[in-house]
Protein backbone atom coordinates (compact mmCIF):
# COMPACT_ATOMS: atom_id res chain seq x y z
CA LYS A 1 23.82 -9.67 -6.90
CA ALA A 2 25.88 -6.21 -6.25
CA ILE A 3 22.85 -4.88 -3.59
CA TYR A 4 23.20 -8.63 -1.73
CA ASP A 5 26.87 -8.51 -1.85
CA GLY A 6 27.15 -5.12 -0.42
CA PHE A 7 24.64 -5.92 2.36
CA SER A 8 26.10 -9.41 3.16
CA THR A 9 29.60 -7.24 3.73
CA PHE A 10 27.87 -5.05 5.50
CA TRP A 11 25.75 -7.00 7.92
CA LYS A 12 28.76 -9.20 8.71
CA LEU A 13 30.61 -6.03 9.86
CA PHE A 14 27.60 -4.30 11.27
CA PRO A 15 25.38 -7.53 12.90
CA VAL A 16 22.30 -6.74 14.26
CA LYS A 17 19.99 -9.09 15.81
CA ALA A 18 16.75 -8.40 13.39
CA LEU A 19 15.85 -5.76 10.09
CA TYR A 20 12.84 -4.20 10.27
CA VAL A 21 11.55 -2.56 6.71
CA THR A 22 8.25 -1.55 4.94
CA ASN A 23 7.55 -2.60 1.73
CA GLY A 24 9.62 -5.84 1.76
CA TYR A 25 9.10 -6.35 -2.12
CA GLY A 26 10.87 -2.94 -3.23
CA ILE A 27 13.70 -4.32 -5.77
CA SER A 28 16.54 -3.13 -3.42
CA ILE A 29 15.14 -4.10 -0.48
CA ARG A 30 14.99 -7.78 -1.20
CA PRO A 31 18.34 -8.49 -1.87
CA ALA A 32 19.42 -6.86 1.70
CA MET A 33 16.97 -8.83 3.34
CA VAL A 34 18.08 -11.88 2.03
CA ALA A 35 21.58 -11.23 2.78
CA ALA A 36 20.25 -10.28 6.43
CA GLN A 37 18.60 -13.75 6.30
CA ASP A 38 21.58 -15.32 5.21
CA CYS A 39 23.62 -13.95 8.07
CA GLY A 40 21.23 -15.01 10.95
CA ILE A 41 19.18 -11.88 11.36
CA ARG A 42 15.71 -12.11 11.81
CA THR A 43 13.65 -10.30 9.08
CA VAL A 44 10.91 -8.11 9.48
CA GLU A 45 8.39 -6.13 7.69
CA LEU A 46 5.44 -3.58 8.90
CA GLN A 47 2.52 -3.25 7.38
CA HIS A 48 2.58 -0.12 5.43
CA GLY A 49 -0.88 -0.24 3.08
CA PHE A 50 -3.72 -2.24 2.32
CA ILE A 51 -3.04 -6.60 1.62
CA SER A 52 -5.26 -8.78 0.29
CA GLN A 53 -5.81 -11.74 -2.03
CA TYR A 54 -5.03 -9.59 -4.84
CA HIS A 55 -1.85 -7.75 -3.57
CA LEU A 56 0.83 -9.02 -5.79
CA GLY A 57 3.77 -8.44 -3.24
CA TYR A 58 1.94 -10.70 -0.87
CA SER A 59 -0.76 -13.25 -2.24
CA TRP A 60 1.26 -16.45 -2.84
CA PRO A 61 -1.88 -19.09 -3.22
CA ASN A 62 -0.72 -22.40 -1.83
CA GLN A 63 3.12 -21.89 -1.54
CA ILE A 64 5.20 -23.15 1.20
CA ASP A 65 8.47 -21.31 0.75
CA VAL A 66 9.07 -18.15 -1.57
CA PRO A 67 12.41 -16.80 -1.57
CA TYR A 68 13.23 -13.02 -0.85
CA LEU A 69 10.28 -12.39 1.63
CA PRO A 70 10.38 -11.41 5.28
CA ASP A 71 10.51 -13.96 7.91
CA GLU A 72 7.57 -12.04 9.81
CA LEU A 73 4.79 -9.64 8.60
CA TRP A 74 3.48 -7.55 11.66
CA THR A 75 -0.14 -6.31 10.51
CA PHE A 76 -2.49 -3.67 11.33
CA GLY A 77 -5.33 -6.82 12.52
CA ASP A 78 -5.75 -10.20 12.22
CA TYR A 79 -7.84 -9.31 9.05
CA TRP A 80 -5.09 -8.59 6.56
CA SER A 81 -3.11 -11.92 7.28
CA ASP A 82 -6.74 -13.91 7.11
CA VAL A 83 -7.56 -12.60 3.91
CA THR A 84 -3.97 -12.76 2.03
CA PRO A 85 -2.83 -16.06 1.31
CA LEU A 86 0.85 -15.56 2.84
CA PRO A 87 3.26 -18.11 1.99
CA LYS A 88 3.94 -20.71 4.96
CA ASN A 89 7.52 -19.44 5.35
CA ILE A 90 6.33 -15.95 6.30
CA LYS A 91 4.69 -15.49 10.40
CA PRO A 92 2.09 -12.99 10.76
CA ARG A 93 1.84 -11.06 13.94
CA THR A 94 -0.67 -8.61 14.43
CA ILE A 95 0.33 -5.46 16.48
CA GLY A 96 -2.05 -3.24 15.74
CA ALA A 97 -2.45 0.02 13.82
CA PRO A 98 -2.80 3.03 17.04
CA TYR A 99 -3.90 5.87 14.49
CA VAL A 100 -6.48 4.01 13.12
CA THR A 101 -7.84 2.46 15.95
CA GLU A 102 -8.17 6.07 17.54
CA MET A 103 -9.76 7.37 14.73
CA ALA A 104 -12.33 4.65 15.22
CA GLN A 105 -12.65 4.94 18.86
CA ARG A 106 -13.60 9.07 18.45
CA GLY A 107 -16.69 7.91 16.48
CA ASP A 108 -16.45 11.67 14.54
CA THR A 109 -16.32 10.08 11.44
CA LYS A 110 -19.47 10.49 8.72
CA ARG A 111 -19.74 8.61 5.67
CA ASP A 112 -20.68 10.51 2.50
CA GLN A 113 -23.03 9.03 0.18
CA SER A 114 -21.88 10.46 -2.46
CA LEU A 115 -18.21 10.29 -1.93
CA VAL A 116 -16.23 7.76 -4.09
CA VAL A 117 -12.45 7.67 -4.17
CA PHE A 118 -10.26 6.37 -6.10
CA THR A 119 -6.95 4.68 -4.51
CA SER A 120 -4.24 4.96 -7.11
CA GLN A 121 -1.42 2.17 -7.68
CA GLY A 122 1.70 2.72 -9.69
CA VAL A 123 1.35 0.88 -12.72
CA VAL A 124 -2.28 1.33 -13.46
CA GLY A 125 -2.71 4.86 -11.79
CA ARG A 126 -2.80 6.09 -15.38
CA HIS A 127 -5.87 4.22 -16.29
CA LEU A 128 -7.24 4.92 -13.37
CA VAL A 129 -7.24 8.79 -13.33
CA ASP A 130 -8.47 8.53 -16.60
CA LEU A 131 -11.80 6.17 -15.19
CA ALA A 132 -11.95 8.60 -12.06
CA ILE A 133 -12.24 11.64 -14.87
CA GLU A 134 -14.52 9.83 -16.82
CA THR A 135 -16.77 9.05 -13.80
CA ALA A 136 -17.09 12.43 -12.83
CA ALA A 137 -18.42 13.53 -15.83
CA ARG A 138 -20.75 11.24 -16.46
CA ARG A 139 -21.89 11.13 -12.36
CA PRO A 140 -22.18 14.70 -11.73
CA ASP A 141 -24.08 13.32 -8.38
CA LYS A 142 -20.82 12.27 -7.13
CA LYS A 143 -18.09 13.78 -5.65
CA ILE A 144 -14.54 11.50 -7.36
CA ILE A 145 -11.54 11.83 -5.25
CA PHE A 146 -8.48 10.40 -6.53
CA ARG A 147 -6.15 9.41 -4.22
CA LEU A 148 -2.17 9.38 -5.35
CA HIS A 149 -0.22 6.28 -3.71
CA PRO A 150 2.53 7.72 -1.70
CA SER A 151 5.23 6.74 -4.40
CA GLU A 152 3.48 8.66 -7.23
CA ASP A 153 3.95 12.47 -7.85
CA LEU A 154 0.96 15.33 -8.20
CA GLU A 155 2.56 16.95 -10.51
CA THR A 156 2.72 14.28 -13.18
CA TYR A 157 -1.46 13.77 -12.92
CA LYS A 158 -1.43 17.20 -13.20
CA GLU A 159 0.32 17.35 -16.50
CA GLN A 160 -1.68 14.56 -17.65
CA THR A 161 -4.82 15.75 -17.32
CA LYS A 162 -4.08 18.53 -18.87
CA ASN A 163 -5.57 16.89 -22.05
CA TYR A 164 -8.80 17.19 -20.28
CA GLY A 165 -8.98 20.79 -20.10
CA ALA A 166 -11.53 21.36 -17.43
CA LEU A 167 -11.85 18.76 -15.26
CA PRO A 168 -14.99 18.36 -13.76
CA GLN A 169 -16.45 20.17 -10.95
CA ASN A 170 -16.73 17.50 -8.75
CA PHE A 171 -13.22 15.64 -9.19
CA SER A 172 -10.06 16.21 -7.19
CA PHE A 173 -7.00 15.35 -6.14
CA SER A 174 -5.63 14.04 -3.02
CA SER A 175 -1.68 13.27 -2.26
CA ARG A 176 -0.90 12.68 1.54
CA GLN A 177 -3.42 14.51 3.17
CA PRO A 178 -6.06 13.80 5.02
CA VAL A 179 -4.70 10.11 6.02
CA ILE A 180 -5.97 7.54 4.15
CA PHE A 181 -8.17 5.72 6.45
CA GLN A 182 -9.91 8.78 7.22
CA LEU A 183 -10.56 9.40 3.89
CA LEU A 184 -11.77 5.68 3.44
CA ALA A 185 -14.09 5.50 6.37
CA GLU A 186 -15.79 8.79 4.54
CA ALA A 187 -16.39 7.55 1.30
CA ASP A 188 -19.42 5.40 0.36
CA ILE A 189 -17.56 3.55 -2.56
CA GLN A 190 -13.37 3.20 -2.82
CA VAL A 191 -12.28 1.98 -6.74
CA GLY A 192 -8.82 0.34 -6.85
CA ALA A 193 -6.29 -2.20 -7.95
CA PHE A 194 -3.71 -4.66 -6.24
CA SER A 195 -3.48 -3.43 -2.57
CA THR A 196 -5.62 -0.55 -3.03
């Protein structure tokens, strides 16, 4: 309510035609969006990662009107809105993802049959890293990469994994680099939850 009230006042003092956001389901973004909508401002969310029927922020099967969501969701491609049961009050629009298209058009990405990428998600990350390390120990024939979610801190995971002593030689962390789509294009197997 406090965030809504503050943004409601802000939008009245500084009106805009449209509000563009990433991560529209964030706890402080939602009231800002609703305040904007109540002031007649169009709200648009730009896809910032994977969405699917399993994503807690976007999957609303058989729902017509879900409050606290943007008016439009601009996606990387038609695929994302086709596989995600968005509520009827969100209008999807494909705008593309130039860096992914460019990578695909280069054609220089080679799939590595031994590469397994675990893509973390905040609420299950600690469990997933344990599973990734266990997988690495059991499958020395595979290269296991644990890719952190952008909201996660590498030092936190390094601290947690100290309990293991020496990590398996075929296990490594990845945080922000390389671009996630490049990493996934190279991987033979990807393991994750929710949006990942």
